[in-house]
Amino acid sequence: MFTEVHTDFILNPLMDVLANGIHACTSLPVGVENSALGEYLMQSLFLRITGAQEQKLKCICWAMATNDYRYRYDLLNVKQYGECSEYKHKKGIYVDLCNLIQGLDSKFTPIDVLSDLPITEERESEIRSRWEHEIDDGRRKEAEHIIAEKTKKGETLDQEDKDEILNNLLRKVYPEKEWRERLFKEKKVQFVNDIVQRLTAVVEHSPLTAWNYREYMFFKEHWQDVVNDKQLILSNNEFLGSGLQMFYKQLVFEQRNRIAHNTASYLKDIPTLDTLADKSYVYKNYYFRFAILLLIDEIFMLMFKRYRELSISRF
């Protein structure tokens, strides 16, 4: 039978860790006398979230190892995921999850987990209507091209002939496979946007944002530069795009090591003037880091839910 030892922890969103940290400091005055606390509290929250994510990934590994002995052998003797902090280690665990899920359901593809996301009938109808209008606009342009080609060849077409060409195209059945792909794309957009909206709702009026107002406003205006649906891959062997992988390394992993090992105090590990002048430095703030970590967390929770459902149904 499927073991549930770590399920509650794995499916507890890291957004709750962030919210608890924000609530803990809501009673603090936001005056300049407390602004020095901002960086310390941000570091503490960041370490709590990165640490919880690393432990969560280890629990996912052990849940898979508990229910699949062949995977247990590989985990203990072959795979080396360490602290699960590097992207390559997170990616390895993601691939392991994909492989085990596909062993239980051969038709599974990672993008399928987005089908579990709720979408209202009204919203789906709105997306469908917009998509059909785009298809129809394309068919009208195609009809104009056909008419222009026939006219160029010397054919005489009256209005009835032109209408027949257009109506024949418009009567074609809509390509349902393309509709499913469009709906998945919209769900990817909704998935990413929802994470950012929940993040901003949690931090919007907190003392931390009052003390880091400039960084927060930059995040609100530019979050799509870093976290967007185009960087959400969800293939069999990758879950983030190359751009977001780079941001993970520069914004999350390097800062995680810098704080966890306190390198700034004994290695003088501080930014140089060239680093501070670099255009990308403005992205090195905690709101972008939180957004990346929360996106990764939501992906793994969706994947683990599917693995758990299939594992339970097997018994």
C-alpha atoms as a PDB file:
ATOM      1  CA  MET A   1       0.000   0.000   0.000  1.00  0.00           C
ATOM      2  CA  PHE A   2       1.039   3.606  -0.572  1.00  0.00           C
ATOM      3  CA  THR A   3       2.796   5.191   2.390  1.00  0.00           C
ATOM      4  CA  GLU A   4       1.448   8.587   3.502  1.00  0.00           C
ATOM      5  CA  VAL A   5       4.190   9.469   6.009  1.00  0.00           C
ATOM      6  CA  HIS A   6       5.377  12.638   4.250  1.00  0.00           C
ATOM      7  CA  THR A   7       2.295  13.524   2.182  1.00  0.00           C
ATOM      8  CA  ASP A   8       1.018  16.358   4.380  1.00  0.00           C
ATOM      9  CA  PHE A   9       4.413  18.069   4.388  1.00  0.00           C
ATOM     10  CA  ILE A  10       4.951  17.619   0.641  1.00  0.00           C
ATOM     11  CA  LEU A  11       1.524  19.037  -0.230  1.00  0.00           C
ATOM     12  CA  ASN A  12       1.775  21.959   2.203  1.00  0.00           C
ATOM     13  CA  PRO A  13       2.574  24.951  -0.051  1.00  0.00           C
ATOM     14  CA  LEU A  14       5.652  27.021   0.663  1.00  0.00           C
ATOM     15  CA  MET A  15       3.416  30.045   0.186  1.00  0.00           C
ATOM     16  CA  ASP A  16       2.247  29.289   3.748  1.00  0.00           C
ATOM     17  CA  VAL A  17       5.832  29.568   5.031  1.00  0.00           C
ATOM     18  CA  LEU A  18       6.098  32.987   3.397  1.00  0.00           C
ATOM     19  CA  ALA A  19       2.717  34.077   4.771  1.00  0.00           C
ATOM     20  CA  ASN A  20       3.626  32.975   8.305  1.00  0.00           C
ATOM     21  CA  GLY A  21       6.863  34.958   8.149  1.00  0.00           C
ATOM     22  CA  ILE A  22       5.032  38.045   6.907  1.00  0.00           C
ATOM     23  CA  HIS A  23       2.408  37.742   9.644  1.00  0.00           C
ATOM     24  CA  ALA A  24       5.120  37.450  12.294  1.00  0.00           C
ATOM     25  CA  CYS A  25       6.386  40.946  11.560  1.00  0.00           C
ATOM     26  CA  THR A  26       3.102  42.769  10.911  1.00  0.00           C
ATOM     27  CA  SER A  27       3.135  44.322  14.374  1.00  0.00           C
ATOM     28  CA  LEU A  28       6.480  46.053  13.764  1.00  0.00           C
ATOM     29  CA  PRO A  29       6.410  49.803  13.074  1.00  0.00           C
ATOM     30  CA  VAL A  30       7.481  50.565   9.508  1.00  0.00           C
ATOM     31  CA  GLY A  31       9.549  53.592  10.421  1.00  0.00           C
ATOM     32  CA  VAL A  32      13.171  54.071   9.452  1.00  0.00           C
ATOM     33  CA  GLU A  33      14.277  52.892  12.915  1.00  0.00           C
ATOM     34  CA  ASN A  34      13.279  49.331  11.966  1.00  0.00           C
ATOM     35  CA  SER A  35      14.327  49.311   8.305  1.00  0.00           C
ATOM     36  CA  ALA A  36      17.608  47.578   9.177  1.00  0.00           C
ATOM     37  CA  LEU A  37      15.531  44.554  10.192  1.00  0.00           C
ATOM     38  CA  GLY A  38      14.274  44.171   6.632  1.00  0.00           C
ATOM     39  CA  GLU A  39      17.333  42.428   5.210  1.00  0.00           C
ATOM     40  CA  TYR A  40      17.642  40.085   8.197  1.00  0.00           C
ATOM     41  CA  LEU A  41      13.991  39.097   8.031  1.00  0.00           C
ATOM     42  CA  MET A  42      14.182  38.622   4.255  1.00  0.00           C
ATOM     43  CA  GLN A  43      17.233  36.389   4.649  1.00  0.00           C
ATOM     44  CA  SER A  44      15.498  34.364   7.358  1.00  0.00           C
ATOM     45  CA  LEU A  45      12.376  33.861   5.226  1.00  0.00           C
ATOM     46  CA  PHE A  46      14.479  33.001   2.183  1.00  0.00           C
ATOM     47  CA  LEU A  47      16.450  30.357   4.106  1.00  0.00           C
ATOM     48  CA  ARG A  48      13.280  28.901   5.599  1.00  0.00           C
ATOM     49  CA  ILE A  49      11.723  28.539   2.145  1.00  0.00           C
ATOM     50  CA  THR A  50      14.834  27.129   0.445  1.00  0.00           C
ATOM     51  CA  GLY A  51      15.379  24.725   3.359  1.00  0.00           C
ATOM     52  CA  ALA A  52      11.761  23.574   3.333  1.00  0.00           C
ATOM     53  CA  GLN A  53      11.921  23.003  -0.418  1.00  0.00           C
ATOM     54  CA  GLU A  54      15.090  20.932  -0.121  1.00  0.00           C
ATOM     55  CA  GLN A  55      13.527  18.809   2.627  1.00  0.00           C
ATOM     56  CA  LYS A  56      10.342  18.465   0.592  1.00  0.00           C
ATOM     57  CA  LEU A  57      12.273  17.112  -2.389  1.00  0.00           C
ATOM     58  CA  LYS A  58      14.075  14.625  -0.146  1.00  0.00           C
ATOM     59  CA  CYS A  59      10.688  13.498   1.178  1.00  0.00           C
ATOM     60  CA  ILE A  60       9.425  13.050  -2.384  1.00  0.00           C
ATOM     61  CA  CYS A  61      12.463  10.896  -3.126  1.00  0.00           C
ATOM     62  CA  TRP A  62      11.872   8.794  -0.040  1.00  0.00           C
ATOM     63  CA  ALA A  63       8.156   8.426  -0.817  1.00  0.00           C
ATOM     64  CA  MET A  64       9.073   7.097  -4.267  1.00  0.00           C
ATOM     65  CA  ALA A  65      11.784   4.862  -2.790  1.00  0.00           C
ATOM     66  CA  THR A  66       9.364   3.460  -0.203  1.00  0.00           C
ATOM     67  CA  ASN A  67       6.892   2.411  -2.891  1.00  0.00           C
ATOM     68  CA  ASP A  68       9.326   1.309  -5.600  1.00  0.00           C
ATOM     69  CA  TYR A  69      12.253  -0.870  -4.493  1.00  0.00           C
ATOM     70  CA  ARG A  70      14.122  -0.558  -7.784  1.00  0.00           C
ATOM     71  CA  TYR A  71      14.034   3.205  -7.422  1.00  0.00           C
ATOM     72  CA  ARG A  72      15.179   2.813  -3.806  1.00  0.00           C
ATOM     73  CA  TYR A  73      18.279   0.950  -4.982  1.00  0.00           C
ATOM     74  CA  ASP A  74      19.080   3.664  -7.540  1.00  0.00           C
ATOM     75  CA  LEU A  75      18.469   6.442  -5.012  1.00  0.00           C
ATOM     76  CA  LEU A  76      20.778   4.901  -2.418  1.00  0.00           C
ATOM     77  CA  ASN A  77      23.482   3.586  -4.730  1.00  0.00           C
ATOM     78  CA  VAL A  78      23.496   5.550  -7.975  1.00  0.00           C
ATOM     79  CA  LYS A  79      21.811   8.936  -7.709  1.00  0.00           C
ATOM     80  CA  GLN A  80      23.580  11.742  -5.873  1.00  0.00           C
ATOM     81  CA  TYR A  81      21.170  14.566  -5.159  1.00  0.00           C
ATOM     82  CA  GLY A  82      23.010  15.953  -2.141  1.00  0.00           C
ATOM     83  CA  GLU A  83      21.035  18.755  -0.488  1.00  0.00           C
ATOM     84  CA  CYS A  84      18.681  19.044  -3.500  1.00  0.00           C
ATOM     85  CA  SER A  85      19.653  22.700  -3.778  1.00  0.00           C
ATOM     86  CA  GLU A  86      21.175  22.815  -7.284  1.00  0.00           C
ATOM     87  CA  TYR A  87      18.850  22.984 -10.258  1.00  0.00           C
ATOM     88  CA  LYS A  88      20.316  19.807 -11.754  1.00  0.00           C
ATOM     89  CA  HIS A  89      19.310  17.913  -8.604  1.00  0.00           C
ATOM     90  CA  LYS A  90      15.769  19.292  -8.679  1.00  0.00           C
ATOM     91  CA  LYS A  91      15.602  18.403 -12.356  1.00  0.00           C
ATOM     92  CA  GLY A  92      16.794  14.854 -11.609  1.00  0.00           C
ATOM     93  CA  ILE A  93      14.018  14.359  -9.030  1.00  0.00           C
ATOM     94  CA  TYR A  94      11.479  15.810 -11.478  1.00  0.00           C
ATOM     95  CA  VAL A  95      12.598  13.316 -14.152  1.00  0.00           C
ATOM     96  CA  ASP A  96      12.388  10.489 -11.595  1.00  0.00           C
ATOM     97  CA  LEU A  97       8.806  11.505 -10.807  1.00  0.00           C
ATOM     98  CA  CYS A  98       7.942  11.582 -14.520  1.00  0.00           C
ATOM     99  CA  ASN A  99       9.403   8.129 -15.076  1.00  0.00           C
ATOM    100  CA  LEU A 100       7.568   6.571 -12.138  1.00  0.00           C
ATOM    101  CA  ILE A 101       4.280   8.211 -13.120  1.00  0.00           C
ATOM    102  CA  GLN A 102       4.660   6.952 -16.687  1.00  0.00           C
ATOM    103  CA  GLY A 103       5.345   3.500 -15.271  1.00  0.00           C
ATOM    104  CA  LEU A 104       1.877   3.694 -13.708  1.00  0.00           C
ATOM    105  CA  ASP A 105       0.226   5.471 -16.664  1.00  0.00           C
ATOM    106  CA  SER A 106       1.966   5.073 -20.019  1.00  0.00           C
ATOM    107  CA  LYS A 107      -0.132   7.863 -21.597  1.00  0.00           C
ATOM    108  CA  PHE A 108       0.961  10.471 -19.058  1.00  0.00           C
ATOM    109  CA  THR A 109       2.818  13.581 -20.170  1.00  0.00           C
ATOM    110  CA  PRO A 110       3.927  16.192 -17.597  1.00  0.00           C
ATOM    111  CA  ILE A 111       1.797  18.923 -19.154  1.00  0.00           C
ATOM    112  CA  ASP A 112      -1.226  16.804 -18.157  1.00  0.00           C
ATOM    113  CA  VAL A 113      -0.909  18.003 -14.560  1.00  0.00           C
ATOM    114  CA  LEU A 114      -2.223  21.387 -15.692  1.00  0.00           C
ATOM    115  CA  SER A 115      -5.500  19.716 -16.672  1.00  0.00           C
ATOM    116  CA  ASP A 116      -6.186  19.418 -12.930  1.00  0.00           C
ATOM    117  CA  LEU A 117      -6.174  23.201 -12.571  1.00  0.00           C
ATOM    118  CA  PRO A 118      -9.687  24.625 -12.180  1.00  0.00           C
ATOM    119  CA  ILE A 119     -11.024  26.994 -14.813  1.00  0.00           C
ATOM    120  CA  THR A 120     -14.539  28.407 -14.832  1.00  0.00           C
ATOM    121  CA  GLU A 121     -16.915  27.643 -17.693  1.00  0.00           C
ATOM    122  CA  GLU A 122     -17.216  31.364 -18.322  1.00  0.00           C
ATOM    123  CA  ARG A 123     -13.438  31.741 -18.620  1.00  0.00           C
ATOM    124  CA  GLU A 124     -13.118  28.682 -20.867  1.00  0.00           C
ATOM    125  CA  SER A 125     -15.961  29.956 -23.063  1.00  0.00           C
ATOM    126  CA  GLU A 126     -14.234  33.340 -23.339  1.00  0.00           C
ATOM    127  CA  ILE A 127     -10.935  31.704 -24.353  1.00  0.00           C
ATOM    128  CA  ARG A 128     -12.744  29.437 -26.837  1.00  0.00           C
ATOM    129  CA  SER A 129     -14.586  32.380 -28.411  1.00  0.00           C
ATOM    130  CA  ARG A 130     -11.353  34.364 -28.800  1.00  0.00           C
ATOM    131  CA  TRP A 131      -9.607  31.337 -30.312  1.00  0.00           C
ATOM    132  CA  GLU A 132     -12.425  30.715 -32.815  1.00  0.00           C
ATOM    133  CA  HIS A 133     -12.327  34.380 -33.868  1.00  0.00           C
ATOM    134  CA  GLU A 134      -8.577  34.036 -34.505  1.00  0.00           C
ATOM    135  CA  ILE A 135      -9.190  30.906 -36.610  1.00  0.00           C
ATOM    136  CA  ASP A 136     -11.944  32.667 -38.578  1.00  0.00           C
ATOM    137  CA  ASP A 137      -9.739  35.722 -39.181  1.00  0.00           C
ATOM    138  CA  GLY A 138      -7.049  33.429 -40.545  1.00  0.00           C
ATOM    139  CA  ARG A 139      -9.549  31.738 -42.842  1.00  0.00           C
ATOM    140  CA  ARG A 140     -10.772  35.106 -44.145  1.00  0.00           C
ATOM    141  CA  LYS A 141      -7.197  36.032 -45.015  1.00  0.00           C
ATOM    142  CA  GLU A 142      -6.806  32.649 -46.703  1.00  0.00           C
ATOM    143  CA  ALA A 143      -9.974  33.310 -48.735  1.00  0.00           C
ATOM    144  CA  GLU A 144      -8.624  36.716 -49.802  1.00  0.00           C
ATOM    145  CA  HIS A 145      -5.377  35.052 -50.901  1.00  0.00           C
ATOM    146  CA  ILE A 146      -7.233  32.380 -52.907  1.00  0.00           C
ATOM    147  CA  ILE A 147      -9.396  35.024 -54.599  1.00  0.00           C
ATOM    148  CA  ALA A 148      -6.323  37.143 -55.408  1.00  0.00           C
ATOM    149  CA  GLU A 149      -4.526  34.129 -56.928  1.00  0.00           C
ATOM    150  CA  LYS A 150      -7.538  33.165 -59.050  1.00  0.00           C
ATOM    151  CA  THR A 151      -7.919  36.774 -60.235  1.00  0.00           C
ATOM    152  CA  LYS A 152      -4.209  36.919 -61.092  1.00  0.00           C
ATOM    153  CA  LYS A 153      -4.683  33.819 -63.285  1.00  0.00           C
ATOM    154  CA  GLY A 154      -7.447  35.589 -65.191  1.00  0.00           C
ATOM    155  CA  GLU A 155     -10.460  33.915 -63.646  1.00  0.00           C
ATOM    156  CA  THR A 156     -13.572  36.062 -63.352  1.00  0.00           C
ATOM    157  CA  LEU A 157     -15.201  35.839 -59.935  1.00  0.00           C
ATOM    158  CA  ASP A 158     -18.463  37.520 -59.012  1.00  0.00           C
ATOM    159  CA  GLN A 159     -19.510  38.224 -55.404  1.00  0.00           C
ATOM    160  CA  GLU A 160     -21.327  34.906 -55.151  1.00  0.00           C
ATOM    161  CA  ASP A 161     -18.139  33.011 -56.093  1.00  0.00           C
ATOM    162  CA  LYS A 162     -16.126  34.965 -53.534  1.00  0.00           C
ATOM    163  CA  ASP A 163     -18.733  34.306 -50.841  1.00  0.00           C
ATOM    164  CA  GLU A 164     -18.679  30.597 -51.647  1.00  0.00           C
ATOM    165  CA  ILE A 165     -14.893  30.419 -51.260  1.00  0.00           C
ATOM    166  CA  LEU A 166     -15.098  32.204 -47.903  1.00  0.00           C
ATOM    167  CA  ASN A 167     -18.060  30.169 -46.617  1.00  0.00           C
ATOM    168  CA  ASN A 168     -16.404  26.873 -47.563  1.00  0.00           C
ATOM    169  CA  LEU A 169     -13.449  27.813 -45.400  1.00  0.00           C
ATOM    170  CA  LEU A 170     -15.569  29.104 -42.528  1.00  0.00           C
ATOM    171  CA  ARG A 171     -17.657  25.897 -42.508  1.00  0.00           C
ATOM    172  CA  LYS A 172     -14.587  23.774 -41.777  1.00  0.00           C
ATOM    173  CA  VAL A 173     -14.567  22.036 -38.399  1.00  0.00           C
ATOM    174  CA  TYR A 174     -12.376  23.772 -35.842  1.00  0.00           C
ATOM    175  CA  PRO A 175      -9.143  21.823 -35.148  1.00  0.00           C
ATOM    176  CA  GLU A 176      -9.866  20.425 -31.673  1.00  0.00           C
ATOM    177  CA  LYS A 177      -6.275  19.275 -31.151  1.00  0.00           C
ATOM    178  CA  GLU A 178      -5.159  22.894 -31.548  1.00  0.00           C
ATOM    179  CA  TRP A 179      -7.901  23.942 -29.116  1.00  0.00           C
ATOM    180  CA  ARG A 180      -6.595  21.572 -26.458  1.00  0.00           C
ATOM    181  CA  GLU A 181      -3.087  22.975 -26.994  1.00  0.00           C
ATOM    182  CA  ARG A 182      -4.456  26.523 -26.709  1.00  0.00           C
ATOM    183  CA  LEU A 183      -6.316  25.667 -23.504  1.00  0.00           C
ATOM    184  CA  PHE A 184      -3.136  24.174 -22.020  1.00  0.00           C
ATOM    185  CA  LYS A 185      -1.248  27.345 -22.972  1.00  0.00           C
ATOM    186  CA  GLU A 186      -3.898  29.479 -21.259  1.00  0.00           C
ATOM    187  CA  LYS A 187      -3.678  27.264 -18.183  1.00  0.00           C
ATOM    188  CA  LYS A 188       0.103  27.729 -18.137  1.00  0.00           C
ATOM    189  CA  VAL A 189      -0.421  31.493 -18.175  1.00  0.00           C
ATOM    190  CA  GLN A 190      -3.052  31.218 -15.435  1.00  0.00           C
ATOM    191  CA  PHE A 191      -0.813  28.912 -13.370  1.00  0.00           C
ATOM    192  CA  VAL A 192       2.122  31.352 -13.382  1.00  0.00           C
ATOM    193  CA  ASN A 193      -0.029  34.463 -12.959  1.00  0.00           C
ATOM    194  CA  ASP A 194      -1.870  32.932 -10.007  1.00  0.00           C
ATOM    195  CA  ILE A 195       1.404  32.252  -8.167  1.00  0.00           C
ATOM    196  CA  VAL A 196       2.573  35.844  -8.636  1.00  0.00           C
ATOM    197  CA  GLN A 197      -0.830  37.253  -7.643  1.00  0.00           C
ATOM    198  CA  ARG A 198      -0.867  35.211  -4.433  1.00  0.00           C
ATOM    199  CA  LEU A 199       2.710  36.278  -3.688  1.00  0.00           C
ATOM    200  CA  THR A 200       1.904  39.965  -4.124  1.00  0.00           C
ATOM    201  CA  ALA A 201      -1.291  39.597  -2.063  1.00  0.00           C
ATOM    202  CA  VAL A 202       0.761  38.193   0.834  1.00  0.00           C
ATOM    203  CA  VAL A 203       3.541  40.782   0.808  1.00  0.00           C
ATOM    204  CA  GLU A 204       1.735  43.890  -0.533  1.00  0.00           C
ATOM    205  CA  HIS A 205       1.036  45.719   2.739  1.00  0.00           C
ATOM    206  CA  SER A 206       3.676  44.140   4.955  1.00  0.00           C
ATOM    207  CA  PRO A 207       6.499  45.974   6.756  1.00  0.00           C
ATOM    208  CA  LEU A 208       8.969  44.041   4.592  1.00  0.00           C
ATOM    209  CA  THR A 209       7.576  45.674   1.482  1.00  0.00           C
ATOM    210  CA  ALA A 210       7.531  49.092   3.147  1.00  0.00           C
ATOM    211  CA  TRP A 211      11.244  48.679   3.870  1.00  0.00           C
ATOM    212  CA  ASN A 212      11.986  47.351   0.362  1.00  0.00           C
ATOM    213  CA  TYR A 213       9.488  49.428  -1.601  1.00  0.00           C
ATOM    214  CA  ARG A 214      11.697  50.164  -4.618  1.00  0.00           C
ATOM    215  CA  GLU A 215      12.573  46.477  -5.074  1.00  0.00           C
ATOM    216  CA  TYR A 216       8.929  45.461  -4.705  1.00  0.00           C
ATOM    217  CA  MET A 217       7.687  47.975  -7.275  1.00  0.00           C
ATOM    218  CA  PHE A 218      10.368  46.847  -9.723  1.00  0.00           C
ATOM    219  CA  PHE A 219       9.198  43.257  -9.206  1.00  0.00           C
ATOM    220  CA  LYS A 220       5.552  44.202  -9.832  1.00  0.00           C
ATOM    221  CA  GLU A 221       6.488  45.905 -13.099  1.00  0.00           C
ATOM    222  CA  HIS A 222       9.032  43.369 -14.374  1.00  0.00           C
ATOM    223  CA  TRP A 223       8.188  39.943 -12.910  1.00  0.00           C
ATOM    224  CA  GLN A 224       7.358  38.585 -16.374  1.00  0.00           C
ATOM    225  CA  ASP A 225      10.977  39.179 -17.404  1.00  0.00           C
ATOM    226  CA  VAL A 226      11.877  36.270 -15.126  1.00  0.00           C
ATOM    227  CA  VAL A 227       8.778  34.196 -14.370  1.00  0.00           C
ATOM    228  CA  ASN A 228       6.466  33.616 -17.337  1.00  0.00           C
ATOM    229  CA  ASP A 229       4.627  30.799 -19.095  1.00  0.00           C
ATOM    230  CA  LYS A 230       7.264  30.542 -21.845  1.00  0.00           C
ATOM    231  CA  GLN A 231       9.777  29.430 -19.192  1.00  0.00           C
ATOM    232  CA  LEU A 232       7.401  26.727 -17.916  1.00  0.00           C
ATOM    233  CA  ILE A 233       8.478  23.744 -20.030  1.00  0.00           C
ATOM    234  CA  LEU A 234       7.015  20.627 -18.328  1.00  0.00           C
ATOM    235  CA  SER A 235       8.530  18.065 -20.696  1.00  0.00           C
ATOM    236  CA  ASN A 236       9.730  14.566 -19.782  1.00  0.00           C
ATOM    237  CA  ASN A 237      13.238  15.774 -18.977  1.00  0.00           C
ATOM    238  CA  GLU A 238      12.913  19.468 -18.160  1.00  0.00           C
ATOM    239  CA  PHE A 239      10.533  21.688 -16.223  1.00  0.00           C
ATOM    240  CA  LEU A 240      12.062  25.158 -16.534  1.00  0.00           C
ATOM    241  CA  GLY A 241      13.374  26.986 -19.590  1.00  0.00           C
ATOM    242  CA  SER A 242      17.031  27.912 -19.946  1.00  0.00           C
ATOM    243  CA  GLY A 243      16.385  31.551 -19.025  1.00  0.00           C
ATOM    244  CA  LEU A 244      14.707  30.682 -15.747  1.00  0.00           C
ATOM    245  CA  GLN A 245      17.395  28.093 -14.997  1.00  0.00           C
ATOM    246  CA  MET A 246      19.970  30.873 -15.302  1.00  0.00           C
ATOM    247  CA  PHE A 247      17.941  33.124 -12.993  1.00  0.00           C
ATOM    248  CA  TYR A 248      17.579  30.261 -10.510  1.00  0.00           C
ATOM    249  CA  LYS A 249      21.363  29.853 -10.376  1.00  0.00           C
ATOM    250  CA  GLN A 250      22.108  33.590 -10.116  1.00  0.00           C
ATOM    251  CA  LEU A 251      19.223  34.707  -7.896  1.00  0.00           C
ATOM    252  CA  VAL A 252      18.435  31.678  -5.748  1.00  0.00           C
ATOM    253  CA  PHE A 253      21.274  29.158  -5.602  1.00  0.00           C
ATOM    254  CA  GLU A 254      24.137  31.624  -5.236  1.00  0.00           C
ATOM    255  CA  GLN A 255      22.275  33.658  -2.617  1.00  0.00           C
ATOM    256  CA  ARG A 256      21.284  30.490  -0.771  1.00  0.00           C
ATOM    257  CA  ASN A 257      24.947  29.496  -0.442  1.00  0.00           C
ATOM    258  CA  ARG A 258      26.026  33.023   0.423  1.00  0.00           C
ATOM    259  CA  ILE A 259      23.569  33.262   3.330  1.00  0.00           C
ATOM    260  CA  ALA A 260      23.606  29.641   4.509  1.00  0.00           C
ATOM    261  CA  HIS A 261      27.408  29.631   4.773  1.00  0.00           C
ATOM    262  CA  ASN A 262      27.683  33.297   5.806  1.00  0.00           C
ATOM    263  CA  THR A 263      30.404  33.873   3.211  1.00  0.00           C
ATOM    264  CA  ALA A 264      29.930  37.638   3.312  1.00  0.00           C
ATOM    265  CA  SER A 265      31.427  37.742   6.804  1.00  0.00           C
ATOM    266  CA  TYR A 266      34.655  35.798   6.256  1.00  0.00           C
ATOM    267  CA  LEU A 267      35.269  35.849   2.482  1.00  0.00           C
ATOM    268  CA  LYS A 268      34.225  39.425   1.842  1.00  0.00           C
ATOM    269  CA  ASP A 269      31.688  37.934  -0.572  1.00  0.00           C
ATOM    270  CA  ILE A 270      30.014  41.208  -1.479  1.00  0.00           C
ATOM    271  CA  PRO A 271      29.091  42.656  -4.895  1.00  0.00           C
ATOM    272  CA  THR A 272      31.763  44.621  -6.738  1.00  0.00           C
ATOM    273  CA  LEU A 273      31.033  48.036  -8.241  1.00  0.00           C
ATOM    274  CA  ASP A 274      30.876  46.426 -11.677  1.00  0.00           C
ATOM    275  CA  THR A 275      28.274  43.982 -10.370  1.00  0.00           C
ATOM    276  CA  LEU A 276      26.191  46.773  -8.877  1.00  0.00           C
ATOM    277  CA  ALA A 277      26.359  48.694 -12.178  1.00  0.00           C
ATOM    278  CA  ASP A 278      25.262  45.680 -14.226  1.00  0.00           C
ATOM    279  CA  LYS A 279      21.741  46.005 -15.648  1.00  0.00           C
ATOM    280  CA  SER A 280      20.770  42.542 -14.352  1.00  0.00           C
ATOM    281  CA  TYR A 281      21.574  43.422 -10.735  1.00  0.00           C
ATOM    282  CA  VAL A 282      18.150  45.001 -10.173  1.00  0.00           C
ATOM    283  CA  TYR A 283      16.632  41.514 -10.496  1.00  0.00           C
ATOM    284  CA  LYS A 284      18.609  40.321  -7.497  1.00  0.00           C
ATOM    285  CA  ASN A 285      15.908  41.031  -4.975  1.00  0.00           C
ATOM    286  CA  TYR A 286      13.951  38.680  -2.783  1.00  0.00           C
ATOM    287  CA  TYR A 287      10.606  39.022  -4.549  1.00  0.00           C
ATOM    288  CA  PHE A 288      12.022  37.437  -7.698  1.00  0.00           C
ATOM    289  CA  ARG A 289      13.666  34.750  -5.559  1.00  0.00           C
ATOM    290  CA  PHE A 290      10.403  33.972  -3.783  1.00  0.00           C
ATOM    291  CA  ALA A 291       8.518  33.816  -7.100  1.00  0.00           C
ATOM    292  CA  ILE A 292      10.983  31.283  -8.557  1.00  0.00           C
ATOM    293  CA  LEU A 293      10.931  29.101  -5.441  1.00  0.00           C
ATOM    294  CA  LEU A 294       7.124  29.159  -5.234  1.00  0.00           C
ATOM    295  CA  LEU A 295       6.805  28.250  -8.927  1.00  0.00           C
ATOM    296  CA  ILE A 296       9.090  25.229  -8.439  1.00  0.00           C
ATOM    297  CA  ASP A 297       7.108  24.224  -5.354  1.00  0.00           C
ATOM    298  CA  GLU A 298       3.772  24.336  -7.177  1.00  0.00           C
ATOM    299  CA  ILE A 299       5.176  22.212 -10.024  1.00  0.00           C
ATOM    300  CA  PHE A 300       6.405  19.505  -7.671  1.00  0.00           C
ATOM    301  CA  MET A 301       3.153  19.497  -5.707  1.00  0.00           C
ATOM    302  CA  LEU A 302       1.147  18.944  -8.906  1.00  0.00           C
ATOM    303  CA  MET A 303       3.489  16.160 -10.016  1.00  0.00           C
ATOM    304  CA  PHE A 304       3.445  14.454  -6.628  1.00  0.00           C
ATOM    305  CA  LYS A 305      -0.360  14.623  -6.437  1.00  0.00           C
ATOM    306  CA  ARG A 306      -0.584  12.770  -9.748  1.00  0.00           C
ATOM    307  CA  TYR A 307       1.991  10.190  -8.604  1.00  0.00           C
ATOM    308  CA  ARG A 308       0.127   9.684  -5.323  1.00  0.00           C
ATOM    309  CA  GLU A 309      -3.268   9.270  -7.034  1.00  0.00           C
ATOM    310  CA  LEU A 310      -1.933   6.674  -9.462  1.00  0.00           C
ATOM    311  CA  SER A 311      -0.020   4.826  -6.729  1.00  0.00           C
ATOM    312  CA  ILE A 312      -3.082   4.605  -4.472  1.00  0.00           C
ATOM    313  CA  SER A 313      -5.345   3.430  -7.319  1.00  0.00           C
ATOM    314  CA  ARG A 314      -2.861   0.680  -8.114  1.00  0.00           C
ATOM    315  CA  PHE A 315      -3.408  -1.016  -4.757  1.00  0.00           C
END
